Amino acid sequence: NMSTSMNMGRVVFYEDRNFQGRSYECSSDCADMSSYLSRCHSCRVQSGCFMVYDRNNYMGNQYFMRRGEYSDFQSMMGMTDIRSCRTIPMHRGSYRMRLYERDNFGGQMHEMMDDCDSIMDRYRMSDCQSCNVMDGHWLMYEQPHFRGRMMYMRPGEYRNFRDMGMSGMRFMSMRRITDMC
């Protein structure tokens, strides 16, 4: 199938900084990298886009990576180790997401189809506790203007962000993951 092979990203993870030590090449989701590497401190993304996580099973802090060299996770993004990673499929077409003020799709709702650098400025929303991603893949950020910790959202219903190991985190800006990958 041509479309799946075009979507394939490829990343090489290394145990030590500056691409040293044992390496592990990956082109699919990996829920636990400890069977391949005892630690992970640098990587080269050869193609595609990935989310990397500092805990197994796509939990903990996450970071978005596009093609390029990441020589030292600690200094570049404050992450001491990478434990799991997820490939982000290429999406062509529209983007659509509904944001809700409260969990279980409660409170005020706003539908978005493009990037939003501040839900407070645009919608007068001070909190966002659930969302429904209808189309496309998105990054949600803790602070306005796409700053702070982030979370990757693929199409689906997210009824309560606190249940996703994101307690105490609020999302104040959102951005589409486009073909920039």
N, C-alpha and C. Protein backbone atom coordinates (compact mmCIF):
# COMPACT_ATOMS: atom_id res chain seq x y z
N ASN A 1 0.85 -1.18 0.00
CA ASN A 1 0.00 0.00 0.00
C ASN A 1 0.89 1.24 0.00
N MET A 2 0.77 2.02 -1.07
CA MET A 2 1.65 3.17 -1.27
C MET A 2 1.49 4.22 -0.18
N SER A 3 0.25 4.49 0.23
CA SER A 3 0.04 5.59 1.18
C SER A 3 0.66 5.29 2.53
N THR A 4 0.63 4.03 2.97
CA THR A 4 1.24 3.74 4.28
C THR A 4 2.75 3.87 4.21
N SER A 5 3.38 3.44 3.14
CA SER A 5 4.83 3.55 3.09
C SER A 5 5.26 5.01 3.03
N MET A 6 4.44 5.87 2.42
CA MET A 6 4.79 7.28 2.38
C MET A 6 4.67 7.91 3.76
N ASN A 7 3.80 7.35 4.59
CA ASN A 7 3.60 7.91 5.93
C ASN A 7 4.69 7.49 6.90
N MET A 8 5.52 6.55 6.50
CA MET A 8 6.49 5.99 7.43
C MET A 8 7.53 7.02 7.82
N GLY A 9 7.63 7.22 9.12
CA GLY A 9 8.72 8.04 9.61
C GLY A 9 9.83 7.11 10.06
N ARG A 10 11.01 7.66 10.25
CA ARG A 10 12.12 6.85 10.74
C ARG A 10 12.96 7.67 11.71
N VAL A 11 13.22 7.08 12.86
CA VAL A 11 14.03 7.77 13.86
C VAL A 11 15.03 6.77 14.43
N VAL A 12 16.23 7.25 14.72
CA VAL A 12 17.24 6.42 15.38
C VAL A 12 17.52 7.03 16.75
N PHE A 13 17.28 6.22 17.80
CA PHE A 13 17.52 6.64 19.17
C PHE A 13 18.89 6.14 19.63
N TYR A 14 19.56 6.91 20.47
CA TYR A 14 20.88 6.55 20.99
C TYR A 14 20.88 6.62 22.51
N GLU A 15 21.65 5.71 23.12
CA GLU A 15 21.70 5.68 24.59
C GLU A 15 22.31 6.95 25.18
N ASP A 16 23.33 7.48 24.52
CA ASP A 16 24.06 8.60 25.09
C ASP A 16 23.88 9.87 24.27
N ARG A 17 24.31 10.98 24.86
CA ARG A 17 24.27 12.26 24.16
C ARG A 17 25.13 12.20 22.89
N ASN A 18 24.84 13.11 21.97
CA ASN A 18 25.63 13.25 20.74
C ASN A 18 25.73 11.96 19.93
N PHE A 19 24.63 11.20 19.93
CA PHE A 19 24.48 10.03 19.06
C PHE A 19 25.53 8.96 19.34
N GLN A 20 25.85 8.78 20.61
CA GLN A 20 26.83 7.78 21.03
C GLN A 20 26.12 6.60 21.69
N GLY A 21 26.86 5.52 21.84
CA GLY A 21 26.33 4.35 22.54
C GLY A 21 25.45 3.50 21.63
N ARG A 22 24.78 2.55 22.22
CA ARG A 22 23.92 1.66 21.44
C ARG A 22 22.80 2.46 20.79
N SER A 23 22.31 1.96 19.65
CA SER A 23 21.23 2.68 18.97
C SER A 23 20.08 1.74 18.65
N TYR A 24 18.93 2.34 18.42
CA TYR A 24 17.72 1.58 18.08
C TYR A 24 16.96 2.37 17.03
N GLU A 25 16.74 1.73 15.88
CA GLU A 25 16.01 2.39 14.80
C GLU A 25 14.55 2.02 14.88
N CYS A 26 13.69 3.01 14.70
CA CYS A 26 12.27 2.82 14.94
C CYS A 26 11.45 3.49 13.84
N SER A 27 10.43 2.80 13.35
CA SER A 27 9.54 3.42 12.36
C SER A 27 8.08 3.13 12.68
N SER A 28 7.82 2.75 13.93
CA SER A 28 6.43 2.53 14.35
C SER A 28 6.30 2.90 15.82
N ASP A 29 5.09 2.79 16.36
CA ASP A 29 4.90 3.10 17.77
C ASP A 29 5.69 2.10 18.62
N CYS A 30 6.26 2.58 19.70
CA CYS A 30 6.99 1.72 20.62
C CYS A 30 6.62 2.12 22.04
N ALA A 31 5.91 1.22 22.74
CA ALA A 31 5.37 1.53 24.07
C ALA A 31 6.41 1.41 25.18
N ASP A 32 7.50 0.68 24.91
CA ASP A 32 8.52 0.50 25.95
C ASP A 32 9.87 0.28 25.29
N MET A 33 10.71 1.29 25.34
CA MET A 33 12.00 1.19 24.66
C MET A 33 13.06 0.50 25.50
N SER A 34 12.74 0.15 26.75
CA SER A 34 13.77 -0.41 27.62
C SER A 34 14.24 -1.78 27.17
N SER A 35 13.45 -2.46 26.33
CA SER A 35 13.94 -3.75 25.82
C SER A 35 15.01 -3.56 24.75
N TYR A 36 15.13 -2.34 24.21
CA TYR A 36 16.14 -2.07 23.18
C TYR A 36 17.30 -1.25 23.71
N LEU A 37 17.01 -0.29 24.59
CA LEU A 37 18.04 0.60 25.12
C LEU A 37 17.84 0.76 26.62
N SER A 38 18.95 0.80 27.36
CA SER A 38 18.81 0.96 28.82
C SER A 38 18.48 2.40 29.18
N ARG A 39 18.82 3.33 28.30
CA ARG A 39 18.46 4.74 28.48
C ARG A 39 18.47 5.37 27.09
N CYS A 40 18.00 6.60 26.99
CA CYS A 40 17.96 7.24 25.68
C CYS A 40 18.15 8.73 25.84
N HIS A 41 19.27 9.26 25.30
CA HIS A 41 19.61 10.66 25.52
C HIS A 41 19.76 11.49 24.25
N SER A 42 19.67 10.86 23.07
CA SER A 42 19.72 11.64 21.82
C SER A 42 19.07 10.84 20.70
N CYS A 43 18.74 11.54 19.61
CA CYS A 43 18.17 10.84 18.45
C CYS A 43 18.31 11.66 17.19
N ARG A 44 18.17 10.97 16.07
CA ARG A 44 18.10 11.62 14.75
C ARG A 44 16.78 11.21 14.11
N VAL A 45 15.94 12.19 13.81
CA VAL A 45 14.69 11.91 13.08
C VAL A 45 15.00 12.07 11.60
N GLN A 46 14.99 10.93 10.88
CA GLN A 46 15.37 10.96 9.47
C GLN A 46 14.21 11.34 8.58
N SER A 47 12.99 10.98 8.98
CA SER A 47 11.81 11.39 8.22
C SER A 47 10.59 11.28 9.12
N GLY A 48 9.56 12.02 8.77
CA GLY A 48 8.31 11.96 9.52
C GLY A 48 8.33 12.79 10.79
N CYS A 49 7.26 12.63 11.58
CA CYS A 49 7.12 13.31 12.87
C CYS A 49 6.81 12.29 13.95
N PHE A 50 7.30 12.55 15.14
CA PHE A 50 7.13 11.64 16.27
C PHE A 50 6.78 12.41 17.52
N MET A 51 6.06 11.76 18.44
CA MET A 51 5.96 12.24 19.81
C MET A 51 6.83 11.31 20.63
N VAL A 52 7.64 11.87 21.53
CA VAL A 52 8.41 11.05 22.46
C VAL A 52 7.93 11.34 23.87
N TYR A 53 8.01 10.33 24.74
CA TYR A 53 7.47 10.40 26.10
C TYR A 53 8.53 9.95 27.09
N ASP A 54 8.51 10.53 28.29
CA ASP A 54 9.52 10.14 29.28
C ASP A 54 9.06 8.99 30.17
N ARG A 55 7.89 8.42 29.88
CA ARG A 55 7.44 7.21 30.57
C ARG A 55 6.93 6.20 29.56
N ASN A 56 6.87 4.93 29.99
CA ASN A 56 6.34 3.88 29.12
C ASN A 56 4.88 4.14 28.76
N ASN A 57 4.42 3.46 27.72
CA ASN A 57 3.00 3.48 27.34
C ASN A 57 2.47 4.88 27.05
N TYR A 58 3.34 5.73 26.46
CA TYR A 58 2.92 7.05 25.98
C TYR A 58 2.39 7.93 27.10
N MET A 59 3.03 7.82 28.27
CA MET A 59 2.62 8.60 29.43
C MET A 59 3.73 9.59 29.80
N GLY A 60 3.39 10.48 30.71
CA GLY A 60 4.38 11.42 31.21
C GLY A 60 4.52 12.63 30.30
N ASN A 61 5.64 13.32 30.44
CA ASN A 61 5.89 14.48 29.59
C ASN A 61 6.10 14.03 28.16
N GLN A 62 5.63 14.84 27.23
CA GLN A 62 5.78 14.48 25.82
C GLN A 62 6.37 15.65 25.04
N TYR A 63 6.99 15.29 23.92
CA TYR A 63 7.67 16.30 23.13
C TYR A 63 7.52 15.95 21.66
N PHE A 64 7.25 16.97 20.86
CA PHE A 64 7.05 16.78 19.41
C PHE A 64 8.38 16.90 18.68
N MET A 65 8.64 15.94 17.79
CA MET A 65 9.89 15.96 17.03
C MET A 65 9.61 15.83 15.55
N ARG A 66 10.23 16.73 14.79
CA ARG A 66 10.20 16.59 13.34
C ARG A 66 11.61 16.30 12.87
N ARG A 67 11.77 16.16 11.56
CA ARG A 67 13.07 15.80 11.00
C ARG A 67 14.19 16.69 11.54
N GLY A 68 15.25 16.08 12.00
CA GLY A 68 16.37 16.85 12.52
C GLY A 68 17.19 16.04 13.52
N GLU A 69 18.18 16.68 14.10
CA GLU A 69 19.07 16.04 15.05
C GLU A 69 18.83 16.61 16.45
N TYR A 70 18.70 15.71 17.41
CA TYR A 70 18.46 16.10 18.79
C TYR A 70 19.59 15.48 19.62
N SER A 71 20.64 16.27 19.86
CA SER A 71 21.88 15.71 20.40
C SER A 71 21.85 15.52 21.92
N ASP A 72 20.93 16.22 22.61
CA ASP A 72 20.92 16.12 24.06
C ASP A 72 19.53 16.48 24.58
N PHE A 73 18.74 15.47 24.90
CA PHE A 73 17.36 15.70 25.35
C PHE A 73 17.31 16.58 26.58
N GLN A 74 18.25 16.39 27.49
CA GLN A 74 18.23 17.12 28.75
C GLN A 74 18.33 18.63 28.51
N SER A 75 19.28 19.05 27.70
CA SER A 75 19.46 20.49 27.51
C SER A 75 18.45 21.05 26.52
N MET A 76 18.01 20.25 25.54
CA MET A 76 17.11 20.78 24.52
C MET A 76 15.67 20.87 24.99
N MET A 77 15.23 19.91 25.80
CA MET A 77 13.82 19.91 26.18
C MET A 77 13.58 19.53 27.62
N GLY A 78 14.63 19.45 28.39
CA GLY A 78 14.48 19.20 29.82
C GLY A 78 14.00 17.79 30.16
N MET A 79 14.08 16.88 29.20
CA MET A 79 13.67 15.50 29.46
C MET A 79 14.90 14.67 29.72
N THR A 80 14.89 13.91 30.80
CA THR A 80 16.08 13.15 31.16
C THR A 80 16.18 11.84 30.38
N ASP A 81 15.07 11.32 29.92
CA ASP A 81 15.08 10.01 29.27
C ASP A 81 13.85 9.88 28.39
N ILE A 82 13.96 9.06 27.35
CA ILE A 82 12.81 8.77 26.50
C ILE A 82 12.47 7.29 26.69
N ARG A 83 11.23 6.99 27.03
CA ARG A 83 10.81 5.61 27.31
C ARG A 83 9.86 5.04 26.28
N SER A 84 9.14 5.91 25.55
CA SER A 84 8.23 5.41 24.51
C SER A 84 8.11 6.46 23.41
N CYS A 85 7.69 6.03 22.23
CA CYS A 85 7.52 6.99 21.14
C CYS A 85 6.37 6.56 20.24
N ARG A 86 5.79 7.53 19.58
CA ARG A 86 4.61 7.29 18.74
C ARG A 86 4.80 8.02 17.42
N THR A 87 4.54 7.33 16.32
CA THR A 87 4.62 7.99 15.01
C THR A 87 3.35 8.80 14.79
N ILE A 88 3.48 9.91 14.11
CA ILE A 88 2.33 10.75 13.79
C ILE A 88 2.05 10.60 12.30
N PRO A 89 0.90 10.04 11.93
CA PRO A 89 0.62 9.85 10.51
C PRO A 89 0.43 11.18 9.79
N MET A 90 0.78 11.20 8.54
CA MET A 90 0.55 12.36 7.70
C MET A 90 -0.95 12.52 7.51
N HIS A 91 -1.42 13.75 7.60
CA HIS A 91 -2.86 13.99 7.41
C HIS A 91 -3.05 15.03 6.32
N ARG A 92 -3.81 14.66 5.30
CA ARG A 92 -4.17 15.63 4.27
C ARG A 92 -5.67 15.82 4.33
N GLY A 93 -6.09 17.05 4.37
CA GLY A 93 -7.53 17.29 4.48
C GLY A 93 -7.80 18.30 5.57
N SER A 94 -9.04 18.34 6.02
CA SER A 94 -9.41 19.39 6.97
C SER A 94 -9.03 19.01 8.39
N TYR A 95 -9.05 20.00 9.25
CA TYR A 95 -8.78 19.84 10.68
C TYR A 95 -10.00 20.37 11.42
N ARG A 96 -10.45 19.59 12.41
CA ARG A 96 -11.63 20.03 13.16
C ARG A 96 -11.58 19.46 14.57
N MET A 97 -11.77 20.33 15.54
CA MET A 97 -11.76 19.91 16.93
C MET A 97 -12.75 20.76 17.71
N ARG A 98 -13.46 20.12 18.64
CA ARG A 98 -14.35 20.85 19.54
C ARG A 98 -13.74 20.87 20.93
N LEU A 99 -13.65 22.06 21.49
CA LEU A 99 -13.12 22.25 22.83
C LEU A 99 -14.27 22.48 23.79
N TYR A 100 -14.17 21.90 24.97
CA TYR A 100 -15.20 22.07 26.00
C TYR A 100 -14.57 22.58 27.28
N GLU A 101 -15.29 23.48 27.90
CA GLU A 101 -14.82 24.11 29.13
C GLU A 101 -14.68 23.09 30.26
N ARG A 102 -15.62 22.16 30.35
CA ARG A 102 -15.63 21.19 31.44
C ARG A 102 -15.47 19.76 30.92
N ASP A 103 -15.25 18.84 31.85
CA ASP A 103 -15.10 17.45 31.43
C ASP A 103 -16.43 16.89 30.92
N ASN A 104 -16.35 15.74 30.25
CA ASN A 104 -17.53 15.11 29.64
C ASN A 104 -18.30 16.05 28.72
N PHE A 105 -17.56 16.89 28.00
CA PHE A 105 -18.15 17.78 26.99
C PHE A 105 -19.16 18.75 27.58
N GLY A 106 -18.86 19.25 28.78
CA GLY A 106 -19.76 20.19 29.44
C GLY A 106 -19.28 21.63 29.30
N GLY A 107 -20.15 22.56 29.68
CA GLY A 107 -19.79 23.98 29.65
C GLY A 107 -19.79 24.52 28.24
N GLN A 108 -19.16 25.66 28.06
CA GLN A 108 -19.17 26.25 26.71
C GLN A 108 -18.33 25.42 25.76
N MET A 109 -18.74 25.43 24.50
CA MET A 109 -18.07 24.64 23.45
C MET A 109 -17.68 25.57 22.32
N HIS A 110 -16.50 25.32 21.76
CA HIS A 110 -16.06 26.06 20.58
C HIS A 110 -15.46 25.09 19.59
N GLU A 111 -15.79 25.27 18.32
CA GLU A 111 -15.24 24.42 17.27
C GLU A 111 -14.11 25.15 16.58
N MET A 112 -13.00 24.46 16.42
CA MET A 112 -11.82 25.05 15.80
C MET A 112 -11.45 24.30 14.55
N MET A 113 -10.94 25.04 13.57
CA MET A 113 -10.44 24.40 12.35
C MET A 113 -9.04 24.87 12.00
N ASP A 114 -8.48 25.73 12.86
CA ASP A 114 -7.13 26.22 12.61
C ASP A 114 -6.40 26.41 13.94
N ASP A 115 -5.15 26.84 13.87
CA ASP A 115 -4.36 27.03 15.09
C ASP A 115 -4.98 28.14 15.94
N CYS A 116 -4.81 28.02 17.23
CA CYS A 116 -5.31 29.04 18.15
C CYS A 116 -4.22 29.32 19.18
N ASP A 117 -3.69 30.55 19.19
CA ASP A 117 -2.57 30.81 20.10
C ASP A 117 -3.01 31.20 21.49
N SER A 118 -4.33 31.41 21.69
CA SER A 118 -4.83 31.64 23.05
C SER A 118 -6.34 31.47 23.09
N ILE A 119 -6.81 30.43 23.79
CA ILE A 119 -8.26 30.24 23.89
C ILE A 119 -8.87 31.32 24.76
N MET A 120 -8.07 31.91 25.62
CA MET A 120 -8.55 33.02 26.45
C MET A 120 -8.85 34.23 25.58
N ASP A 121 -7.93 34.60 24.71
CA ASP A 121 -8.13 35.77 23.84
C ASP A 121 -9.23 35.52 22.82
N ARG A 122 -9.23 34.33 22.24
CA ARG A 122 -10.17 34.10 21.15
C ARG A 122 -11.58 33.79 21.64
N TYR A 123 -11.69 32.97 22.67
CA TYR A 123 -13.01 32.50 23.09
C TYR A 123 -13.41 32.95 24.50
N ARG A 124 -12.52 33.69 25.18
CA ARG A 124 -12.77 34.04 26.58
C ARG A 124 -12.93 32.79 27.45
N MET A 125 -12.18 31.78 27.11
CA MET A 125 -12.23 30.51 27.84
C MET A 125 -11.01 30.44 28.75
N SER A 126 -11.21 30.23 30.04
CA SER A 126 -10.06 30.16 30.94
C SER A 126 -9.65 28.72 31.21
N ASP A 127 -10.49 27.78 30.79
CA ASP A 127 -10.16 26.38 31.03
C ASP A 127 -10.75 25.52 29.93
N CYS A 128 -10.10 24.38 29.71
CA CYS A 128 -10.56 23.43 28.70
C CYS A 128 -10.29 22.05 29.29
N GLN A 129 -11.35 21.28 29.59
CA GLN A 129 -11.20 20.01 30.30
C GLN A 129 -11.50 18.78 29.45
N SER A 130 -12.10 18.98 28.27
CA SER A 130 -12.36 17.83 27.39
C SER A 130 -12.41 18.33 25.95
N CYS A 131 -12.27 17.41 25.02
CA CYS A 131 -12.35 17.81 23.61
C CYS A 131 -12.71 16.61 22.75
N ASN A 132 -13.16 16.92 21.56
CA ASN A 132 -13.47 15.90 20.57
C ASN A 132 -12.71 16.27 19.30
N VAL A 133 -11.72 15.46 18.95
CA VAL A 133 -10.95 15.71 17.73
C VAL A 133 -11.63 14.94 16.61
N MET A 134 -12.23 15.68 15.69
CA MET A 134 -12.93 15.03 14.58
C MET A 134 -12.00 14.75 13.40
N ASP A 135 -11.16 15.72 13.07
CA ASP A 135 -10.28 15.57 11.91
C ASP A 135 -8.89 16.09 12.22
N GLY A 136 -7.90 15.36 11.75
CA GLY A 136 -6.52 15.82 11.86
C GLY A 136 -5.87 15.48 13.18
N HIS A 137 -4.61 15.79 13.28
CA HIS A 137 -3.80 15.54 14.47
C HIS A 137 -3.35 16.89 15.00
N TRP A 138 -3.40 17.05 16.32
CA TRP A 138 -3.18 18.34 16.95
C TRP A 138 -2.17 18.24 18.10
N LEU A 139 -1.55 19.38 18.41
CA LEU A 139 -0.77 19.52 19.63
C LEU A 139 -1.46 20.56 20.50
N MET A 140 -1.65 20.23 21.78
CA MET A 140 -2.23 21.17 22.72
C MET A 140 -1.15 21.56 23.70
N TYR A 141 -1.10 22.87 24.01
CA TYR A 141 -0.03 23.41 24.85
C TYR A 141 -0.59 24.00 26.13
N GLU A 142 0.23 23.90 27.16
CA GLU A 142 -0.12 24.36 28.49
C GLU A 142 -0.23 25.88 28.57
N GLN A 143 0.55 26.58 27.78
CA GLN A 143 0.56 28.05 27.82
C GLN A 143 0.16 28.62 26.47
N PRO A 144 -0.28 29.89 26.47
CA PRO A 144 -0.58 30.54 25.18
C PRO A 144 0.66 30.58 24.29
N HIS A 145 0.43 30.82 23.01
CA HIS A 145 1.50 30.97 22.02
C HIS A 145 2.36 29.72 21.90
N PHE A 146 1.72 28.54 22.08
CA PHE A 146 2.37 27.25 21.81
C PHE A 146 3.62 27.04 22.66
N ARG A 147 3.50 27.36 23.95
CA ARG A 147 4.63 27.19 24.87
C ARG A 147 4.25 26.26 26.01
N GLY A 148 5.27 25.81 26.73
CA GLY A 148 5.04 24.96 27.89
C GLY A 148 4.89 23.50 27.49
N ARG A 149 4.43 22.70 28.44
CA ARG A 149 4.26 21.28 28.15
C ARG A 149 3.18 21.09 27.10
N MET A 150 3.26 19.99 26.37
CA MET A 150 2.34 19.75 25.27
C MET A 150 1.74 18.36 25.34
N MET A 151 0.65 18.18 24.60
CA MET A 151 0.02 16.86 24.51
C MET A 151 -0.44 16.64 23.07
N TYR A 152 -0.17 15.44 22.58
CA TYR A 152 -0.55 15.04 21.23
C TYR A 152 -1.97 14.48 21.25
N MET A 153 -2.83 14.99 20.36
CA MET A 153 -4.21 14.53 20.27
C MET A 153 -4.48 14.00 18.87
N ARG A 154 -4.84 12.72 18.82
CA ARG A 154 -5.25 12.14 17.53
C ARG A 154 -6.78 12.11 17.52
N PRO A 155 -7.39 11.82 16.36
CA PRO A 155 -8.86 11.83 16.33
C PRO A 155 -9.46 10.91 17.39
N GLY A 156 -10.46 11.42 18.09
CA GLY A 156 -11.12 10.66 19.14
C GLY A 156 -11.77 11.57 20.16
N GLU A 157 -12.42 10.96 21.13
CA GLU A 157 -13.09 11.70 22.19
C GLU A 157 -12.23 11.65 23.46
N TYR A 158 -11.97 12.80 24.01
CA TYR A 158 -11.18 12.92 25.23
C TYR A 158 -12.08 13.55 26.29
N ARG A 159 -12.65 12.71 27.15
CA ARG A 159 -13.69 13.16 28.08
C ARG A 159 -13.14 13.87 29.31
N ASN A 160 -11.90 13.56 29.68
CA ASN A 160 -11.37 14.17 30.90
C ASN A 160 -9.84 14.16 30.84
N PHE A 161 -9.25 15.32 30.67
CA PHE A 161 -7.79 15.39 30.56
C PHE A 161 -7.10 14.92 31.84
N ARG A 162 -7.75 15.11 32.98
CA ARG A 162 -7.11 14.69 34.24
C ARG A 162 -6.91 13.18 34.28
N ASP A 163 -7.80 12.43 33.67
CA ASP A 163 -7.68 10.97 33.65
C ASP A 163 -6.51 10.52 32.78
N MET A 164 -5.97 11.41 31.97
CA MET A 164 -4.92 11.03 31.04
C MET A 164 -3.54 11.30 31.63
N GLY A 165 -3.46 11.37 32.96
CA GLY A 165 -2.18 11.63 33.59
C GLY A 165 -1.73 13.06 33.41
N MET A 166 -2.69 13.95 33.19
CA MET A 166 -2.36 15.35 32.94
C MET A 166 -2.93 16.23 34.04
N SER A 167 -2.95 15.72 35.27
CA SER A 167 -3.59 16.48 36.35
C SER A 167 -2.86 17.79 36.57
N GLY A 168 -3.63 18.80 36.83
CA GLY A 168 -3.05 20.11 37.07
C GLY A 168 -2.61 20.82 35.81
N MET A 169 -2.79 20.21 34.66
CA MET A 169 -2.37 20.83 33.42
C MET A 169 -3.57 21.45 32.74
N ARG A 170 -3.41 22.68 32.26
CA ARG A 170 -4.48 23.31 31.49
C ARG A 170 -3.94 23.54 30.10
N PHE A 171 -4.82 23.49 29.14
CA PHE A 171 -4.38 23.74 27.77
C PHE A 171 -4.88 25.10 27.33
N MET A 172 -3.97 25.96 26.90
CA MET A 172 -4.31 27.33 26.57
C MET A 172 -4.11 27.66 25.09
N SER A 173 -3.41 26.79 24.34
CA SER A 173 -3.26 27.02 22.89
C SER A 173 -3.18 25.68 22.18
N MET A 174 -3.57 25.66 20.92
CA MET A 174 -3.63 24.43 20.12
C MET A 174 -3.08 24.71 18.73
N ARG A 175 -2.43 23.70 18.17
CA ARG A 175 -1.86 23.86 16.82
C ARG A 175 -2.05 22.57 16.04
N ARG A 176 -2.36 22.72 14.75
CA ARG A 176 -2.51 21.54 13.88
C ARG A 176 -1.13 20.99 13.54
N ILE A 177 -1.01 19.67 13.47
CA ILE A 177 0.23 19.07 12.97
C ILE A 177 0.01 18.91 11.48
N THR A 178 0.68 19.74 10.70
CA THR A 178 0.46 19.75 9.25
C THR A 178 1.58 19.01 8.53
N ASP A 179 1.59 19.09 7.24
CA ASP A 179 2.58 18.34 6.45
C ASP A 179 3.99 18.88 6.58
N MET A 180 4.19 19.82 7.52
CA MET A 180 5.54 20.33 7.77
C MET A 180 6.49 19.21 8.10
N CYS A 181 5.92 18.07 8.53
CA CYS A 181 6.77 16.93 8.86
C CYS A 181 7.58 16.50 7.65
